[in-house]
Amino acid sequence: MTHKYNKQVLGLLVAASLFSACSVTKTYKSPEVKTEGLYRDQNSADSVSLADMPWQSLFADEKLKALIQKGLDQNVDLKNAIQNIAQAQATLKQSKLAYIPTLSANADYTRTKSSLSALNFPAGININTLTNTYRLYLSTSWEADIWGKLSSTKRAALASYLGTDAARKAVQTQLIADISNNYFTLISLDKQLTITEETLKNRRSSVETIKELKEGAVVTGAAVVQSEANLYAAEVTIPDLKQSIRETENALSILLAQAPGPIDRNTLDSQVVPVNLSIGLPSQLLHNRPDVAQAEFAFRNSFENTNLARTYFYPSLTLTANGGLSTLQLKNFFDQSIFYSLVGGLTQPIFNQGINKARLTTAQSQQIQAMNTYQQTLLVAGQEVSNSLFDYQSAAAKQASRAKQIEALIKAVDYTQELLRFSSATNYTDVLTSEQSLLAAQLSAVSDQQQKLQAVVNLYRALGGGWK
């Protein structure tokens, strides 16, 4: 009897192996996405990319590099991204363990009461019996992966895990960019404050000069009032600059996961801008950009979920086994009380209110959405590269013209001041206009340099640099 039973179970296993050869799941292949023309007006065939450069080599400022390293060690968002990886890793491990049979230990006690009517007893007389059953046994269960259900679940978990790792890299690249951009903003504000304070000193001196000229009847009282107003116009901007500096320091402190406070830094003039800004090939974004890779892993996860949804239309094979000790009297528990059972069963869904069909429809729709998101993420990446590169080129073009503008305005200020002192060919309005234009141009020159530095950082991030 036992031999016949084992042959039946063996038959189920053979059938399972035959069914598994006809898996309903599909093999994943990376989808084809459009990469041509992602970089506007750029047709480079050079595969060298700025993204391949370690961030330690991109920046020459040691104080900036120290801040970036501190951010990588302490930033809260990055720490949370790492915890997401740990959670996904646990889920992946759990999906792998689904291939292994479950095993549990059980102990139970059953008390059964039955009533029997004896033929030889007078009518209405019953015999009640009580039966006590004691059992201690092990039970195991295993589901055969006939249609690839467990395999699809594992591959979906793997895609999710890889996606969280890509998300961590995306957080890291963004963190490096945020720290760098805030740092460059901070030292640019420092430079603007220095220029404004120097201008304020010059205008104080100019007020004294205008007062002397008034005493000499060279200018009128209106010129004195105008010079004082010009002084206050520069003075009133200083509190705003100091406030911006303080707020930028506080923003940097948050990125470093520390209490708001001063930031140790160098000057804007000490910064070195990389000369070679190679952008590589658009197709390299598929591997270099963490958010693009994350979008593909999300598509891969949805692809495997669609595979999983298909498997629910087909029967599942489950093998269960029990074995242990059983007795009617506790004192004889270890005497002739061994029992075991082995059961194999196929479960085929027949009617489940359309749940399987709805599950598949939902999974297929989510797969289409994931594919659309993947392509859109790649397009945005190309847009960011194009914008950052043009931003850098625009800043570089402005710097050349700005230098000439400042040089001309310095001469204009000198000439008008000289004319005001020694002739009547001009008035203080001309001096006032040239001084205001000079300050605006000097502050704009600082903004141009800041734009150029930040364009390099944004291009580096857009290309996918910072995580290697």
Protein backbone atom coordinates (compact mmCIF):
# COMPACT_ATOMS: atom_id res chain seq x y z
CA MET A 1 0.00 0.00 0.00
CA THR A 2 2.80 2.34 0.96
CA HIS A 3 4.70 1.47 -2.21
CA LYS A 4 1.65 2.27 -4.33
CA TYR A 5 1.17 5.59 -2.53
CA ASN A 6 4.77 6.60 -3.09
CA LYS A 7 4.41 5.82 -6.79
CA GLN A 8 1.44 8.20 -6.97
CA VAL A 9 3.37 11.01 -5.34
CA LEU A 10 6.30 10.32 -7.65
CA GLY A 11 3.92 10.58 -10.57
CA LEU A 12 2.84 14.03 -9.42
CA LEU A 13 6.48 15.14 -9.24
CA VAL A 14 7.14 13.85 -12.77
CA ALA A 15 4.06 15.67 -14.02
CA ALA A 16 5.26 18.84 -12.31
CA SER A 17 8.62 18.63 -14.04
CA LEU A 18 6.91 18.17 -17.40
CA PHE A 19 4.64 21.14 -16.77
CA SER A 20 7.62 23.28 -15.78
CA ALA A 21 9.06 22.83 -19.25
CA CYS A 22 6.00 24.69 -20.57
CA SER A 23 6.46 27.80 -18.41
CA VAL A 24 4.02 30.58 -19.16
CA THR A 25 6.44 33.33 -18.11
CA LYS A 26 8.56 35.34 -20.52
CA THR A 27 12.29 36.06 -20.36
CA TYR A 28 13.20 39.66 -19.63
CA LYS A 29 15.18 41.67 -22.17
CA SER A 30 16.20 45.30 -21.77
CA PRO A 31 13.70 47.41 -23.70
CA GLU A 32 14.77 49.50 -26.65
CA VAL A 33 14.61 53.23 -25.95
CA LYS A 34 15.44 56.22 -28.13
CA THR A 35 18.80 57.82 -27.36
CA GLU A 36 19.47 59.58 -30.66
CA GLY A 37 19.50 63.35 -30.47
CA LEU A 38 19.21 63.51 -26.68
CA TYR A 39 21.95 66.16 -26.55
CA ARG A 40 20.74 69.21 -28.44
CA ASP A 41 23.16 70.46 -31.10
CA GLN A 42 25.77 67.94 -29.99
CA ASN A 43 27.00 65.18 -32.31
CA SER A 44 30.06 63.97 -30.43
CA ALA A 45 31.22 60.41 -31.11
CA ASP A 46 33.69 60.45 -28.22
CA SER A 47 32.80 57.99 -25.44
CA VAL A 48 34.86 59.85 -22.83
CA SER A 49 32.44 61.29 -20.28
CA LEU A 50 32.84 63.68 -17.37
CA ALA A 51 30.65 61.24 -15.40
CA ASP A 52 33.51 58.74 -15.22
CA MET A 53 35.61 61.17 -13.18
CA PRO A 54 35.48 60.62 -9.39
CA TRP A 55 34.07 63.61 -7.56
CA GLN A 56 37.32 63.95 -5.62
CA SER A 57 39.06 64.72 -8.92
CA LEU A 58 36.41 67.11 -10.20
CA PHE A 59 36.83 69.60 -7.37
CA ALA A 60 40.14 71.24 -6.47
CA ASP A 61 38.88 73.02 -3.33
CA GLU A 62 39.91 70.90 -0.33
CA LYS A 63 37.39 72.55 1.97
CA LEU A 64 34.59 71.75 -0.47
CA LYS A 65 35.75 68.13 -0.71
CA ALA A 66 35.74 67.89 3.08
CA LEU A 67 32.15 69.15 3.18
CA ILE A 68 31.07 66.65 0.50
CA GLN A 69 32.65 63.76 2.38
CA LYS A 70 30.96 64.88 5.58
CA GLY A 71 27.64 64.99 3.76
CA LEU A 72 28.14 61.48 2.39
CA ASP A 73 28.87 60.27 5.93
CA GLN A 74 26.05 62.05 7.73
CA ASN A 75 23.22 63.09 5.37
CA VAL A 76 19.85 61.77 6.53
CA ASP A 77 18.36 61.22 3.07
CA LEU A 78 21.36 59.12 2.08
CA LYS A 79 21.11 57.09 5.29
CA ASN A 80 17.41 56.43 4.59
CA ALA A 81 18.25 55.36 1.04
CA ILE A 82 20.71 52.84 2.46
CA GLN A 83 17.99 51.52 4.79
CA ASN A 84 15.72 51.08 1.76
CA ILE A 85 18.40 48.85 0.28
CA ALA A 86 18.49 46.77 3.47
CA GLN A 87 14.70 46.33 3.34
CA ALA A 88 14.77 45.33 -0.33
CA GLN A 89 17.60 42.91 0.38
CA ALA A 90 15.50 41.24 3.08
CA THR A 91 12.60 40.91 0.64
CA LEU A 92 14.91 39.38 -1.96
CA LYS A 93 16.23 36.88 0.58
CA GLN A 94 12.68 35.96 1.52
CA SER A 95 11.77 35.33 -2.12
CA LYS A 96 14.76 33.00 -2.49
CA LEU A 97 13.71 31.03 0.59
CA ALA A 98 10.33 30.34 -1.03
CA TYR A 99 12.03 27.49 -2.93
CA ILE A 100 12.81 25.74 0.36
CA PRO A 101 10.10 23.63 2.05
CA THR A 102 8.63 24.99 5.26
CA LEU A 103 9.18 22.98 8.45
CA SER A 104 7.33 23.37 11.72
CA ALA A 105 7.10 21.44 15.00
CA ASN A 106 3.67 20.74 16.44
CA ALA A 107 2.25 19.29 19.63
CA ASP A 108 -1.47 18.78 20.24
CA TYR A 109 -3.92 17.04 22.49
CA THR A 110 -7.41 15.91 21.36
CA ARG A 111 -10.26 14.75 23.59
CA THR A 112 -13.06 13.02 21.69
CA LYS A 113 -16.45 12.00 23.06
CA SER A 114 -18.61 9.51 21.15
CA SER A 115 -21.98 7.92 21.88
CA LEU A 116 -22.79 4.31 20.87
CA SER A 117 -26.12 2.43 20.99
CA ALA A 118 -25.84 -1.27 21.80
CA LEU A 119 -28.27 -3.69 20.10
CA ASN A 120 -28.67 -5.83 23.18
CA PHE A 121 -29.28 -2.86 25.46
CA PRO A 122 -32.78 -1.70 26.31
CA ALA A 123 -34.05 1.10 24.13
CA GLY A 124 -32.76 4.53 25.09
CA ILE A 125 -29.56 3.26 26.69
CA ASN A 126 -26.31 4.66 25.14
CA ILE A 127 -22.68 3.98 25.83
CA ASN A 128 -20.47 7.11 25.99
CA THR A 129 -16.78 6.75 25.36
CA LEU A 130 -13.95 9.26 25.84
CA THR A 131 -10.78 9.09 23.74
CA ASN A 132 -7.61 11.07 24.44
CA THR A 133 -5.03 11.50 21.66
CA TYR A 134 -1.53 12.89 22.18
CA ARG A 135 0.63 13.86 19.21
CA LEU A 136 4.10 15.32 18.73
CA TYR A 137 5.13 15.68 15.08
CA LEU A 138 6.90 17.64 12.37
CA SER A 139 5.09 19.02 9.32
CA THR A 140 6.52 20.30 6.06
CA SER A 141 5.09 21.83 2.91
CA TRP A 142 6.62 22.59 -0.48
CA GLU A 143 5.17 24.20 -3.59
CA ALA A 144 6.67 23.15 -6.91
CA ASP A 145 7.53 26.07 -9.17
CA ILE A 146 5.69 24.63 -12.16
CA TRP A 147 4.78 27.77 -14.07
CA GLY A 148 7.55 30.05 -12.81
CA LYS A 149 5.53 31.73 -10.06
CA LEU A 150 8.33 31.57 -7.51
CA SER A 151 10.97 32.46 -10.10
CA SER A 152 9.04 35.54 -11.20
CA THR A 153 8.59 36.61 -7.60
CA LYS A 154 12.32 36.27 -6.98
CA ARG A 155 13.22 38.20 -10.13
CA ALA A 156 10.75 40.95 -9.24
CA ALA A 157 12.33 41.21 -5.79
CA LEU A 158 15.79 41.34 -7.38
CA ALA A 159 14.70 44.20 -9.67
CA SER A 160 13.28 46.02 -6.66
CA TYR A 161 16.53 45.55 -4.77
CA LEU A 162 18.62 46.82 -7.68
CA GLY A 163 16.21 49.73 -8.01
CA THR A 164 16.79 50.77 -4.39
CA ASP A 165 20.54 50.63 -4.95
CA ALA A 166 20.15 52.86 -8.01
CA ALA A 167 17.97 55.20 -5.92
CA ARG A 168 20.75 55.41 -3.34
CA LYS A 169 23.20 56.37 -6.08
CA ALA A 170 20.77 59.02 -7.34
CA VAL A 171 20.50 60.48 -3.83
CA GLN A 172 24.30 60.54 -3.61
CA THR A 173 24.79 62.33 -6.94
CA GLN A 174 22.12 64.88 -6.03
CA LEU A 175 23.65 65.38 -2.59
CA ILE A 176 27.09 66.12 -4.07
CA ALA A 177 25.49 68.60 -6.48
CA ASP A 178 23.45 70.29 -3.73
CA ILE A 179 26.45 70.69 -1.41
CA SER A 180 28.62 72.03 -4.24
CA ASN A 181 25.99 74.44 -5.57
CA ASN A 182 25.27 75.80 -2.09
CA TYR A 183 29.00 76.16 -1.46
CA PHE A 184 29.48 78.11 -4.68
CA THR A 185 26.47 80.27 -3.83
CA LEU A 186 27.98 80.96 -0.42
CA ILE A 187 31.41 82.03 -1.66
CA SER A 188 29.75 84.11 -4.40
CA LEU A 189 27.75 85.94 -1.75
CA ASP A 190 30.99 86.47 0.16
CA LYS A 191 32.50 88.04 -2.94
CA GLN A 192 29.49 90.27 -3.53
CA LEU A 193 29.58 91.38 0.10
CA THR A 194 33.29 92.25 -0.20
CA ILE A 195 32.65 94.25 -3.39
CA THR A 196 29.72 96.08 -1.80
CA GLU A 197 31.65 96.91 1.35
CA GLU A 198 34.57 98.21 -0.73
CA THR A 199 32.13 100.28 -2.79
CA LEU A 200 30.64 101.63 0.43
CA LYS A 201 34.07 102.85 1.55
CA ASN A 202 34.63 104.54 -1.80
CA ARG A 203 31.25 106.24 -1.67
CA ARG A 204 31.90 107.55 1.84
CA SER A 205 35.07 109.09 0.51
CA SER A 206 33.12 110.41 -2.46
CA VAL A 207 30.61 112.12 -0.15
CA GLU A 208 33.43 113.95 1.60
CA THR A 209 34.87 114.97 -1.74
CA ILE A 210 31.51 116.31 -2.95
CA LYS A 211 31.10 118.32 0.25
CA GLU A 212 34.51 119.90 -0.33
CA LEU A 213 33.56 120.68 -3.93
CA LYS A 214 30.36 122.32 -2.72
CA GLU A 215 32.38 124.53 -0.38
CA GLY A 216 34.46 125.50 -3.36
CA ALA A 217 31.29 126.28 -5.32
CA VAL A 218 32.10 123.61 -7.88
CA VAL A 219 28.85 121.67 -7.23
CA THR A 220 25.54 122.51 -5.61
CA GLY A 221 23.85 121.08 -2.55
CA ALA A 222 21.89 118.73 -4.81
CA ALA A 223 25.09 116.88 -5.65
CA VAL A 224 25.83 116.40 -1.95
CA VAL A 225 22.37 114.94 -1.34
CA GLN A 226 22.69 112.69 -4.39
CA SER A 227 26.08 111.40 -3.22
CA GLU A 228 24.63 110.59 0.22
CA ALA A 229 21.70 108.78 -1.38
CA ASN A 230 24.16 106.82 -3.51
CA LEU A 231 26.01 105.86 -0.33
CA TYR A 232 22.86 104.62 1.36
CA ALA A 233 21.82 102.67 -1.75
CA ALA A 234 24.96 100.54 -1.36
CA GLU A 235 24.69 100.37 2.41
CA VAL A 236 21.13 99.05 2.40
CA THR A 237 22.09 95.98 0.35
CA ILE A 238 24.59 94.73 2.94
CA PRO A 239 22.01 93.37 5.46
CA ASP A 240 20.32 91.43 2.67
CA LEU A 241 23.63 89.92 1.57
CA LYS A 242 24.46 88.94 5.15
CA GLN A 243 21.03 87.38 5.54
CA SER A 244 21.51 85.36 2.33
CA ILE A 245 24.91 84.21 3.56
CA ARG A 246 23.45 83.07 6.86
CA GLU A 247 20.56 81.23 5.19
CA THR A 248 22.91 79.49 2.76
CA GLU A 249 25.13 78.39 5.65
CA ASN A 250 22.05 76.99 7.38
CA ALA A 251 20.96 75.16 4.23
CA LEU A 252 24.41 73.61 3.92
CA SER A 253 24.28 72.57 7.57
CA ILE A 254 21.05 70.65 6.92
CA LEU A 255 22.67 68.80 4.02
CA LEU A 256 25.53 67.90 6.38
CA ALA A 257 23.05 66.75 9.05
CA GLN A 258 24.38 69.19 11.62
CA ALA A 259 23.00 72.11 13.59
CA PRO A 260 22.98 75.46 11.73
CA GLY A 261 26.28 77.25 12.03
CA PRO A 262 29.20 78.80 10.15
CA ILE A 263 30.75 76.94 7.22
CA ASP A 264 34.50 76.84 6.70
CA ARG A 265 35.22 77.87 3.11
CA ASN A 266 37.65 79.33 0.62
CA THR A 267 37.09 82.25 -1.76
CA LEU A 268 35.48 82.50 -5.16
CA ASP A 269 38.73 83.68 -6.74
CA SER A 270 40.51 80.48 -5.65
CA GLN A 271 38.16 78.19 -7.56
CA VAL A 272 39.42 76.22 -10.57
CA VAL A 273 36.99 75.34 -13.37
CA PRO A 274 37.64 72.09 -15.29
CA VAL A 275 38.71 72.73 -18.86
CA ASN A 276 37.60 69.48 -20.50
CA LEU A 277 33.85 68.97 -20.21
CA SER A 278 33.36 65.79 -22.24
CA ILE A 279 29.76 64.63 -22.39
CA GLY A 280 30.27 61.22 -24.03
CA LEU A 281 27.49 59.44 -25.92
CA PRO A 282 23.78 59.77 -25.12
CA SER A 283 23.49 55.98 -24.79
CA GLN A 284 25.88 56.13 -21.81
CA LEU A 285 23.11 57.74 -19.77
CA LEU A 286 21.47 54.30 -19.61
CA HIS A 287 24.28 53.12 -17.36
CA ASN A 288 25.66 56.33 -15.85
CA ARG A 289 22.44 58.01 -14.71
CA PRO A 290 21.17 56.27 -11.54
CA ASP A 291 17.61 57.53 -12.00
CA VAL A 292 17.52 56.13 -15.55
CA ALA A 293 18.78 52.78 -14.27
CA GLN A 294 16.21 52.94 -11.47
CA ALA A 295 13.45 53.51 -14.03
CA GLU A 296 14.56 50.43 -15.98
CA PHE A 297 14.59 48.32 -12.81
CA ALA A 298 11.06 49.55 -12.09
CA PHE A 299 10.05 48.39 -15.57
CA ARG A 300 11.76 45.07 -14.96
CA ASN A 301 9.87 44.68 -11.71
CA SER A 302 6.55 45.34 -13.46
CA PHE A 303 7.53 42.89 -16.22
CA GLU A 304 8.04 40.11 -13.66
CA ASN A 305 4.81 41.04 -11.89
CA THR A 306 3.03 40.52 -15.21
CA ASN A 307 4.69 37.10 -15.45
CA LEU A 308 3.51 36.37 -11.93
CA ALA A 309 -0.06 37.38 -12.79
CA ARG A 310 -0.10 34.89 -15.67
CA THR A 311 0.85 31.98 -13.43
CA TYR A 312 -2.33 32.34 -11.37
CA PHE A 313 -4.35 30.96 -14.31
CA TYR A 314 -2.65 27.56 -13.99
CA PRO A 315 -2.72 24.83 -11.33
CA SER A 316 -0.26 24.76 -8.45
CA LEU A 317 1.27 21.61 -7.01
CA THR A 318 1.81 21.42 -3.27
CA LEU A 319 3.39 18.55 -1.37
CA THR A 320 2.80 18.24 2.37
CA ALA A 321 4.23 15.71 4.78
CA ASN A 322 3.67 14.97 8.48
CA GLY A 323 5.52 12.58 10.75
CA GLY A 324 5.86 12.05 14.47
CA LEU A 325 4.53 10.28 17.55
CA SER A 326 0.89 9.59 18.45
CA THR A 327 -0.69 7.64 21.29
CA LEU A 328 -3.92 7.21 23.17
CA GLN A 329 -2.18 6.96 26.53
CA LEU A 330 0.53 9.38 27.57
CA LYS A 331 2.48 6.68 29.43
CA ASN A 332 2.91 4.73 26.18
CA PHE A 333 3.94 7.80 24.13
CA PHE A 334 7.24 6.38 22.93
CA ASP A 335 5.99 2.79 22.43
CA GLN A 336 4.77 1.82 18.94
CA SER A 337 3.36 5.31 18.25
CA ILE A 338 5.11 6.51 15.06
CA PHE A 339 2.92 7.88 12.24
CA TYR A 340 3.57 9.68 8.94
CA SER A 341 1.68 10.97 5.93
CA LEU A 342 2.64 12.35 2.53
CA VAL A 343 0.10 14.25 0.44
CA GLY A 344 0.45 15.78 -3.00
CA GLY A 345 -2.24 17.93 -4.57
CA LEU A 346 -2.94 20.05 -7.62
CA THR A 347 -5.06 23.19 -7.22
CA GLN A 348 -6.67 24.61 -10.36
CA PRO A 349 -8.68 27.85 -10.11
CA ILE A 350 -12.09 27.49 -11.75
CA PHE A 351 -14.13 30.46 -10.62
CA ASN A 352 -12.68 33.30 -8.55
CA GLN A 353 -14.87 36.25 -9.56
CA GLY A 354 -12.45 37.47 -12.24
CA ILE A 355 -9.64 38.15 -9.75
CA ASN A 356 -6.96 36.54 -11.91
CA LYS A 357 -8.04 38.40 -15.03
CA ALA A 358 -8.16 41.71 -13.18
CA ARG A 359 -4.73 41.01 -11.68
CA LEU A 360 -3.24 40.41 -15.13
CA THR A 361 -4.90 43.49 -16.65
CA THR A 362 -3.58 45.66 -13.84
CA ALA A 363 -0.07 44.24 -14.14
CA GLN A 364 0.03 44.78 -17.89
CA SER A 365 -1.16 48.37 -17.52
CA GLN A 366 1.47 49.05 -14.85
CA GLN A 367 4.11 47.59 -17.15
CA ILE A 368 3.14 50.04 -19.90
CA GLN A 369 3.29 52.91 -17.42
CA ALA A 370 6.73 51.81 -16.24
CA MET A 371 7.98 51.74 -19.83
CA ASN A 372 6.64 55.24 -20.45
CA THR A 373 8.31 56.49 -17.29
CA TYR A 374 11.59 54.90 -18.34
CA GLN A 375 11.59 56.69 -21.70
CA GLN A 376 10.51 59.96 -20.08
CA THR A 377 13.29 59.74 -17.48
CA LEU A 378 15.83 59.32 -20.27
CA LEU A 379 14.43 62.33 -22.15
CA VAL A 380 14.66 64.47 -19.02
CA ALA A 381 18.25 63.33 -18.51
CA GLY A 382 19.11 64.45 -22.04
CA GLN A 383 17.38 67.78 -21.43
CA GLU A 384 19.40 68.37 -18.25
CA VAL A 385 22.68 67.63 -20.03
CA SER A 386 21.78 70.01 -22.86
CA ASN A 387 20.69 72.78 -20.49
CA SER A 388 23.76 72.49 -18.26
CA LEU A 389 26.18 72.50 -21.17
CA PHE A 390 24.57 75.57 -22.73
CA ASP A 391 24.45 77.23 -19.31
CA TYR A 392 28.21 76.80 -19.01
CA GLN A 393 28.80 78.10 -22.53
CA SER A 394 26.58 81.13 -21.86
CA ALA A 395 28.42 81.96 -18.63
CA ALA A 396 31.79 81.68 -20.37
CA ALA A 397 30.61 83.97 -23.18
CA LYS A 398 29.30 86.55 -20.71
CA GLN A 399 32.54 86.59 -18.73
CA ALA A 400 34.58 87.91 -21.67
CA SER A 401 32.13 90.73 -22.38
CA ARG A 402 31.65 91.45 -18.68
CA ALA A 403 35.36 91.98 -18.14
CA LYS A 404 35.43 94.55 -20.92
CA GLN A 405 32.31 96.23 -19.53
CA ILE A 406 33.86 96.55 -16.06
CA GLU A 407 37.09 97.90 -17.50
CA ALA A 408 35.17 100.57 -19.44
CA LEU A 409 33.03 101.51 -16.44
CA ILE A 410 36.07 101.92 -14.18
CA LYS A 411 37.44 104.40 -16.72
CA ALA A 412 34.05 106.11 -16.93
CA VAL A 413 33.97 106.60 -13.16
CA ASP A 414 37.50 107.99 -13.14
CA TYR A 415 36.85 110.31 -16.09
CA THR A 416 33.58 111.73 -14.75
CA GLN A 417 35.08 112.29 -11.30
CA GLU A 418 38.04 114.12 -12.82
CA LEU A 419 35.76 116.22 -15.00
CA LEU A 420 33.61 117.04 -12.00
CA ARG A 421 36.64 118.27 -10.02
CA PHE A 422 38.38 120.29 -12.67
CA SER A 423 35.80 121.44 -15.21
CA SER A 424 32.15 122.14 -15.72
CA ALA A 425 31.84 119.70 -18.63
CA THR A 426 29.85 117.26 -16.51
CA ASN A 427 27.69 117.09 -13.38
CA TYR A 428 27.32 114.67 -10.50
CA THR A 429 24.50 112.80 -12.24
CA ASP A 430 27.07 111.42 -14.69
CA VAL A 431 29.31 110.31 -11.83
CA LEU A 432 26.35 108.76 -10.04
CA THR A 433 25.27 106.81 -13.13
CA SER A 434 28.75 105.47 -13.84
CA GLU A 435 29.29 104.40 -10.20
CA GLN A 436 25.96 102.58 -10.03
CA SER A 437 26.61 100.85 -13.35
CA LEU A 438 30.06 99.77 -12.17
CA LEU A 439 28.73 98.17 -8.98
CA ALA A 440 25.98 96.36 -10.90
CA ALA A 441 28.52 95.05 -13.42
CA GLN A 442 30.89 93.87 -10.68
CA LEU A 443 28.09 92.01 -8.90
CA SER A 444 26.97 90.51 -12.21
CA ALA A 445 30.51 89.31 -12.86
CA VAL A 446 30.33 87.36 -9.61
CA SER A 447 27.03 85.84 -10.73
CA ASP A 448 28.62 84.88 -14.05
CA GLN A 449 31.41 83.03 -12.25
CA GLN A 450 28.88 81.34 -9.95
CA GLN A 451 26.80 80.30 -12.97
CA LYS A 452 29.86 78.79 -14.62
CA LEU A 453 30.86 76.80 -11.54
CA GLN A 454 27.34 75.55 -10.92
CA ALA A 455 26.90 74.66 -14.59
CA VAL A 456 29.87 72.30 -14.28
CA VAL A 457 28.32 70.71 -11.19
CA ASN A 458 24.92 70.36 -12.85
CA LEU A 459 26.48 68.90 -16.00
CA TYR A 460 28.41 66.41 -13.89
CA ARG A 461 25.21 65.32 -12.13
CA ALA A 462 23.21 65.31 -15.37
CA LEU A 463 25.72 62.95 -16.96
CA GLY A 464 25.48 60.62 -13.94
CA GLY A 465 28.70 61.52 -12.14
CA GLY A 466 29.30 61.26 -8.43
CA TRP A 467 28.47 57.68 -7.48
CA LYS A 468 31.38 55.75 -9.01
